[in-house]
Amino acid sequence: MPDDLEERIANNDFGDADTVTTRELREKLSEIVGRCAYGGDRFVIKRHGKPLAAVVPIEDMFIAQAAEDQHDAAEYKRALESGELDKTRPWTDIKAELGL
């Protein structure tokens, strides 16, 4: 995640993505999906002026997932090296403690 993510959202800085309202999305879903799939366009969906979600080409979704996987792997490595993971407890112990 970029460090300035909250600032980008607050400033409606969505790069080259177009914005559509939820109403526009309902009315033009087929067109929007086609523009994403075949034209590489990106859309930010807003409701009451606030960004909710995005419609992006499938390649963008895979790139985002790969970036998240790399972030998760780095966080795991950091936790492992710091000894943080040594403080974990087996799920069976936690369940017994909670009476589950």
C-alpha atoms as a PDB file:
ATOM      1  CA  MET A   1       0.000   0.000   0.000  1.00  0.00           C
ATOM      2  CA  PRO A   2       1.309   3.428  -0.802  1.00  0.00           C
ATOM      3  CA  ASP A   3       2.076   5.572   2.234  1.00  0.00           C
ATOM      4  CA  ASP A   4      -0.133   8.353   0.877  1.00  0.00           C
ATOM      5  CA  LEU A   5      -3.205   6.176   0.236  1.00  0.00           C
ATOM      6  CA  GLU A   6      -5.511   8.028   2.641  1.00  0.00           C
ATOM      7  CA  GLU A   7      -4.382  11.366   1.208  1.00  0.00           C
ATOM      8  CA  ARG A   8      -5.046  10.168  -2.348  1.00  0.00           C
ATOM      9  CA  ILE A   9      -8.552   9.063  -1.416  1.00  0.00           C
ATOM     10  CA  ALA A  10      -9.258  12.313   0.463  1.00  0.00           C
ATOM     11  CA  ASN A  11      -8.108  14.325  -2.559  1.00  0.00           C
ATOM     12  CA  ASN A  12      -9.988  12.145  -5.059  1.00  0.00           C
ATOM     13  CA  ASP A  13      -6.654  11.373  -6.751  1.00  0.00           C
ATOM     14  CA  PHE A  14      -7.442   8.216  -8.686  1.00  0.00           C
ATOM     15  CA  GLY A  15      -4.809   8.635 -11.364  1.00  0.00           C
ATOM     16  CA  ASP A  16      -6.213   7.954 -14.802  1.00  0.00           C
ATOM     17  CA  ALA A  17      -9.375   6.255 -13.515  1.00  0.00           C
ATOM     18  CA  ASP A  18     -12.760   7.669 -14.410  1.00  0.00           C
ATOM     19  CA  THR A  19     -15.363   7.987 -11.680  1.00  0.00           C
ATOM     20  CA  VAL A  20     -18.932   6.731 -11.884  1.00  0.00           C
ATOM     21  CA  THR A  21     -21.764   6.806  -9.407  1.00  0.00           C
ATOM     22  CA  THR A  22     -23.515   3.631  -8.365  1.00  0.00           C
ATOM     23  CA  ARG A  23     -26.497   4.769 -10.441  1.00  0.00           C
ATOM     24  CA  GLU A  24     -24.313   5.270 -13.526  1.00  0.00           C
ATOM     25  CA  LEU A  25     -22.748   1.866 -12.930  1.00  0.00           C
ATOM     26  CA  ARG A  26     -26.169   0.186 -12.899  1.00  0.00           C
ATOM     27  CA  GLU A  27     -27.171   1.977 -16.096  1.00  0.00           C
ATOM     28  CA  LYS A  28     -23.909   1.368 -17.970  1.00  0.00           C
ATOM     29  CA  LEU A  29     -22.501  -1.828 -16.471  1.00  0.00           C
ATOM     30  CA  SER A  30     -22.047  -3.621 -19.787  1.00  0.00           C
ATOM     31  CA  GLU A  31     -20.270  -0.627 -21.329  1.00  0.00           C
ATOM     32  CA  ILE A  32     -18.014  -0.160 -18.294  1.00  0.00           C
ATOM     33  CA  VAL A  33     -17.046  -3.831 -18.152  1.00  0.00           C
ATOM     34  CA  GLY A  34     -16.283  -3.765 -21.875  1.00  0.00           C
ATOM     35  CA  ARG A  35     -14.110  -0.681 -21.518  1.00  0.00           C
ATOM     36  CA  CYS A  36     -12.195  -2.389 -18.708  1.00  0.00           C
ATOM     37  CA  ALA A  37     -11.818  -5.712 -20.457  1.00  0.00           C
ATOM     38  CA  TYR A  38     -10.967  -4.470 -23.931  1.00  0.00           C
ATOM     39  CA  GLY A  39      -9.741  -0.911 -23.444  1.00  0.00           C
ATOM     40  CA  GLY A  40      -7.898  -1.203 -20.148  1.00  0.00           C
ATOM     41  CA  ASP A  41      -9.984   1.581 -18.585  1.00  0.00           C
ATOM     42  CA  ARG A  42     -10.353   1.859 -14.819  1.00  0.00           C
ATOM     43  CA  PHE A  43     -13.335   3.190 -12.885  1.00  0.00           C
ATOM     44  CA  VAL A  44     -13.802   4.333  -9.302  1.00  0.00           C
ATOM     45  CA  ILE A  45     -17.347   3.826  -8.082  1.00  0.00           C
ATOM     46  CA  LYS A  46     -18.726   6.513  -5.777  1.00  0.00           C
ATOM     47  CA  ARG A  47     -21.839   6.733  -3.655  1.00  0.00           C
ATOM     48  CA  HIS A  48     -22.813  10.091  -2.168  1.00  0.00           C
ATOM     49  CA  GLY A  49     -19.489  11.459  -3.401  1.00  0.00           C
ATOM     50  CA  LYS A  50     -17.387   8.889  -1.534  1.00  0.00           C
ATOM     51  CA  PRO A  51     -15.262   6.253  -3.282  1.00  0.00           C
ATOM     52  CA  LEU A  52     -16.450   2.709  -2.534  1.00  0.00           C
ATOM     53  CA  ALA A  53     -14.841   0.348  -4.988  1.00  0.00           C
ATOM     54  CA  ALA A  54     -13.177   0.096  -8.358  1.00  0.00           C
ATOM     55  CA  VAL A  55     -13.785  -1.750 -11.585  1.00  0.00           C
ATOM     56  CA  VAL A  56     -10.461  -2.574 -13.200  1.00  0.00           C
ATOM     57  CA  PRO A  57      -9.081  -4.867 -15.891  1.00  0.00           C
ATOM     58  CA  ILE A  58      -8.385  -8.386 -14.644  1.00  0.00           C
ATOM     59  CA  GLU A  59      -4.643  -7.823 -15.115  1.00  0.00           C
ATOM     60  CA  ASP A  60      -4.772  -4.981 -12.557  1.00  0.00           C
ATOM     61  CA  MET A  61      -6.448  -7.288 -10.058  1.00  0.00           C
ATOM     62  CA  PHE A  62      -3.670  -9.870 -10.461  1.00  0.00           C
ATOM     63  CA  ILE A  63      -1.004  -7.169 -10.070  1.00  0.00           C
ATOM     64  CA  ALA A  64      -2.693  -5.889  -6.911  1.00  0.00           C
ATOM     65  CA  GLN A  65      -2.881  -9.428  -5.538  1.00  0.00           C
ATOM     66  CA  ALA A  66       0.812 -10.016  -6.267  1.00  0.00           C
ATOM     67  CA  ALA A  67       1.729  -6.778  -4.471  1.00  0.00           C
ATOM     68  CA  GLU A  68      -0.382  -7.808  -1.477  1.00  0.00           C
ATOM     69  CA  ASP A  69       1.260 -11.250  -1.438  1.00  0.00           C
ATOM     70  CA  GLN A  70       4.716  -9.636  -1.432  1.00  0.00           C
ATOM     71  CA  HIS A  71       3.682  -7.329   1.413  1.00  0.00           C
ATOM     72  CA  ASP A  72       2.308 -10.274   3.414  1.00  0.00           C
ATOM     73  CA  ALA A  73       5.499 -12.283   2.842  1.00  0.00           C
ATOM     74  CA  ALA A  74       7.675  -9.361   3.969  1.00  0.00           C
ATOM     75  CA  GLU A  75       5.511  -8.865   7.076  1.00  0.00           C
ATOM     76  CA  TYR A  76       5.714 -12.569   7.896  1.00  0.00           C
ATOM     77  CA  LYS A  77       9.505 -12.531   7.462  1.00  0.00           C
ATOM     78  CA  ARG A  78       9.760  -9.476   9.732  1.00  0.00           C
ATOM     79  CA  ALA A  79       7.603 -11.106  12.412  1.00  0.00           C
ATOM     80  CA  LEU A  80       9.556 -14.356  12.165  1.00  0.00           C
ATOM     81  CA  GLU A  81      12.939 -12.605  12.446  1.00  0.00           C
ATOM     82  CA  SER A  82      11.798 -10.437  15.385  1.00  0.00           C
ATOM     83  CA  GLY A  83      10.625 -13.473  17.342  1.00  0.00           C
ATOM     84  CA  GLU A  84       7.063 -12.194  17.307  1.00  0.00           C
ATOM     85  CA  LEU A  85       5.805 -15.515  15.976  1.00  0.00           C
ATOM     86  CA  ASP A  86       7.338 -17.361  18.911  1.00  0.00           C
ATOM     87  CA  LYS A  87       4.613 -15.821  21.089  1.00  0.00           C
ATOM     88  CA  THR A  88       1.812 -17.667  19.345  1.00  0.00           C
ATOM     89  CA  ARG A  89      -0.372 -20.239  21.069  1.00  0.00           C
ATOM     90  CA  PRO A  90      -2.041 -23.316  19.634  1.00  0.00           C
ATOM     91  CA  TRP A  91      -5.678 -22.822  18.653  1.00  0.00           C
ATOM     92  CA  THR A  92      -6.664 -25.811  20.794  1.00  0.00           C
ATOM     93  CA  ASP A  93      -5.318 -24.037  23.903  1.00  0.00           C
ATOM     94  CA  ILE A  94      -7.233 -20.851  23.074  1.00  0.00           C
ATOM     95  CA  LYS A  95     -10.458 -22.807  22.468  1.00  0.00           C
ATOM     96  CA  ALA A  96     -10.077 -24.611  25.789  1.00  0.00           C
ATOM     97  CA  GLU A  97      -9.416 -21.323  27.589  1.00  0.00           C
ATOM     98  CA  LEU A  98     -12.585 -19.820  26.094  1.00  0.00           C
ATOM     99  CA  GLY A  99     -14.648 -22.946  26.727  1.00  0.00           C
ATOM    100  CA  LEU A 100     -15.265 -23.600  23.047  1.00  0.00           C
END
